[in-house]
C-alpha atoms as a PDB file:
ATOM      1  CA  UNK A   1      24.368 -27.166 -79.413  1.00  0.00           C
ATOM      2  CA  UNK A   2      24.704 -29.583 -76.536  1.00  0.00           C
ATOM      3  CA  UNK A   3      22.037 -32.012 -75.396  1.00  0.00           C
ATOM      4  CA  UNK A   4      20.810 -29.903 -72.466  1.00  0.00           C
ATOM      5  CA  UNK A   5      20.385 -26.889 -74.776  1.00  0.00           C
ATOM      6  CA  UNK A   6      18.483 -29.074 -77.225  1.00  0.00           C
ATOM      7  CA  UNK A   7      16.192 -30.329 -74.447  1.00  0.00           C
ATOM      8  CA  UNK A   8      15.524 -26.750 -73.286  1.00  0.00           C
ATOM      9  CA  UNK A   9      14.685 -25.678 -76.837  1.00  0.00           C
ATOM     10  CA  UNK A  10      12.444 -28.694 -77.445  1.00  0.00           C
ATOM     11  CA  UNK A  11      10.596 -28.299 -74.159  1.00  0.00           C
ATOM     12  CA  UNK A  12      10.011 -24.589 -74.824  1.00  0.00           C
ATOM     13  CA  UNK A  13       8.377 -25.209 -78.208  1.00  0.00           C
ATOM     14  CA  UNK A  14       6.382 -28.178 -76.917  1.00  0.00           C
ATOM     15  CA  UNK A  15       5.011 -26.096 -74.037  1.00  0.00           C
ATOM     16  CA  UNK A  16       4.187 -23.240 -76.399  1.00  0.00           C
ATOM     17  CA  UNK A  17       2.798 -25.223 -79.331  1.00  0.00           C
ATOM     18  CA  UNK A  18       0.932 -27.961 -77.485  1.00  0.00           C
ATOM     19  CA  UNK A  19      -0.039 -25.922 -74.412  1.00  0.00           C
ATOM     20  CA  UNK A  20       1.240 -28.606 -72.072  1.00  0.00           C
ATOM     21  CA  UNK A  21       2.309 -27.998 -68.490  1.00  0.00           C
ATOM     22  CA  UNK A  22       6.087 -28.199 -68.190  1.00  0.00           C
ATOM     23  CA  UNK A  23       5.655 -30.707 -65.347  1.00  0.00           C
ATOM     24  CA  UNK A  24       4.157 -33.140 -67.884  1.00  0.00           C
ATOM     25  CA  UNK A  25       7.402 -33.173 -69.842  1.00  0.00           C
ATOM     26  CA  UNK A  26       9.660 -35.713 -68.191  1.00  0.00           C
ATOM     27  CA  UNK A  27      12.142 -37.951 -69.986  1.00  0.00           C
ATOM     28  CA  UNK A  28      10.345 -41.223 -69.248  1.00  0.00           C
ATOM     29  CA  UNK A  29       6.818 -39.950 -70.012  1.00  0.00           C
ATOM     30  CA  UNK A  30       4.992 -41.131 -73.115  1.00  0.00           C
ATOM     31  CA  UNK A  31       5.276 -38.355 -75.720  1.00  0.00           C
ATOM     32  CA  UNK A  32       1.975 -39.057 -77.469  1.00  0.00           C
ATOM     33  CA  UNK A  33      -0.037 -39.315 -74.266  1.00  0.00           C
ATOM     34  CA  UNK A  34       1.529 -36.325 -72.491  1.00  0.00           C
ATOM     35  CA  UNK A  35       1.008 -34.061 -75.506  1.00  0.00           C
ATOM     36  CA  UNK A  36      -2.302 -35.681 -76.526  1.00  0.00           C
ATOM     37  CA  UNK A  37      -1.044 -35.981 -80.104  1.00  0.00           C
ATOM     38  CA  UNK A  38      -3.248 -36.891 -83.019  1.00  0.00           C
ATOM     39  CA  UNK A  39      -2.175 -37.284 -86.642  1.00  0.00           C
ATOM     40  CA  UNK A  40      -2.443 -33.558 -87.382  1.00  0.00           C
ATOM     41  CA  UNK A  41      -0.328 -32.765 -84.326  1.00  0.00           C
ATOM     42  CA  UNK A  42       2.417 -34.970 -85.729  1.00  0.00           C
ATOM     43  CA  UNK A  43       2.349 -32.868 -88.902  1.00  0.00           C
ATOM     44  CA  UNK A  44       2.748 -29.754 -86.729  1.00  0.00           C
ATOM     45  CA  UNK A  45       5.612 -31.429 -84.906  1.00  0.00           C
ATOM     46  CA  UNK A  46       7.374 -32.189 -88.210  1.00  0.00           C
ATOM     47  CA  UNK A  47       7.042 -28.533 -89.255  1.00  0.00           C
ATOM     48  CA  UNK A  48       8.358 -27.347 -85.883  1.00  0.00           C
ATOM     49  CA  UNK A  49      11.333 -29.707 -86.110  1.00  0.00           C
ATOM     50  CA  UNK A  50      12.134 -28.485 -89.597  1.00  0.00           C
ATOM     51  CA  UNK A  51      11.938 -24.808 -88.634  1.00  0.00           C
ATOM     52  CA  UNK A  52      13.949 -25.233 -85.411  1.00  0.00           C
ATOM     53  CA  UNK A  53      16.519 -27.818 -86.456  1.00  0.00           C
ATOM     54  CA  UNK A  54      16.718 -27.626 -90.246  1.00  0.00           C
ATOM     55  CA  UNK A  55      15.768 -31.163 -91.214  1.00  0.00           C
ATOM     56  CA  UNK A  56      12.533 -32.863 -92.140  1.00  0.00           C
ATOM     57  CA  UNK A  57      11.356 -35.751 -89.973  1.00  0.00           C
ATOM     58  CA  UNK A  58       9.198 -38.491 -91.473  1.00  0.00           C
ATOM     59  CA  UNK A  59       6.437 -40.691 -90.150  1.00  0.00           C
ATOM     60  CA  UNK A  60       8.872 -43.581 -90.001  1.00  0.00           C
ATOM     61  CA  UNK A  61      11.076 -41.540 -87.651  1.00  0.00           C
ATOM     62  CA  UNK A  62       8.261 -41.381 -85.121  1.00  0.00           C
ATOM     63  CA  UNK A  63       7.597 -45.131 -85.121  1.00  0.00           C
ATOM     64  CA  UNK A  64      10.452 -45.741 -82.688  1.00  0.00           C
ATOM     65  CA  UNK A  65       9.797 -42.652 -80.550  1.00  0.00           C
ATOM     66  CA  UNK A  66       7.760 -43.461 -77.460  1.00  0.00           C
ATOM     67  CA  UNK A  67       9.107 -41.284 -74.662  1.00  0.00           C
ATOM     68  CA  UNK A  68      10.392 -37.738 -74.483  1.00  0.00           C
ATOM     69  CA  UNK A  69      13.872 -39.236 -74.012  1.00  0.00           C
ATOM     70  CA  UNK A  70      13.478 -41.117 -77.307  1.00  0.00           C
ATOM     71  CA  UNK A  71      12.491 -37.824 -78.946  1.00  0.00           C
ATOM     72  CA  UNK A  72      15.477 -35.956 -77.478  1.00  0.00           C
ATOM     73  CA  UNK A  73      17.851 -38.745 -78.531  1.00  0.00           C
ATOM     74  CA  UNK A  74      16.424 -38.771 -82.066  1.00  0.00           C
ATOM     75  CA  UNK A  75      16.839 -35.010 -82.435  1.00  0.00           C
ATOM     76  CA  UNK A  76      20.291 -35.019 -80.888  1.00  0.00           C
ATOM     77  CA  UNK A  77      21.419 -37.711 -83.305  1.00  0.00           C
ATOM     78  CA  UNK A  78      20.045 -35.801 -86.303  1.00  0.00           C
ATOM     79  CA  UNK A  79      21.697 -32.493 -85.370  1.00  0.00           C
ATOM     80  CA  UNK A  80      24.902 -34.085 -84.043  1.00  0.00           C
ATOM     81  CA  UNK A  81      24.671 -32.359 -80.690  1.00  0.00           C
ATOM     82  CA  UNK A  82      27.320 -32.705 -78.016  1.00  0.00           C
ATOM     83  CA  UNK A  83      26.386 -35.010 -75.172  1.00  0.00           C
END
C-alpha cells in the first residue's frame, strides 16, 4: 500500500464512521476538532485502525497526533507504506 492509497482508505472510513464532510478532511486540519472526537470516539478509532490495518493503536499514540497529516504519517509508519 502506498501513502495515497492509505489516505484514500483512511478518509473513506472517517467519512463513513464519523459522518464528516469530505471537505473537512484536509491534511493541516485538526483531527479532533474536524471529527468532533470525544474519548469514546477515540476507542472507535482504535477499533477501526485495528480492523483496517491489523495493529492496535494506544492512547499514547494519539498524544502526538494533532492534524490529519500527523494521523496519516503515524499510520503509514506503522504499516510501512511506500511514500
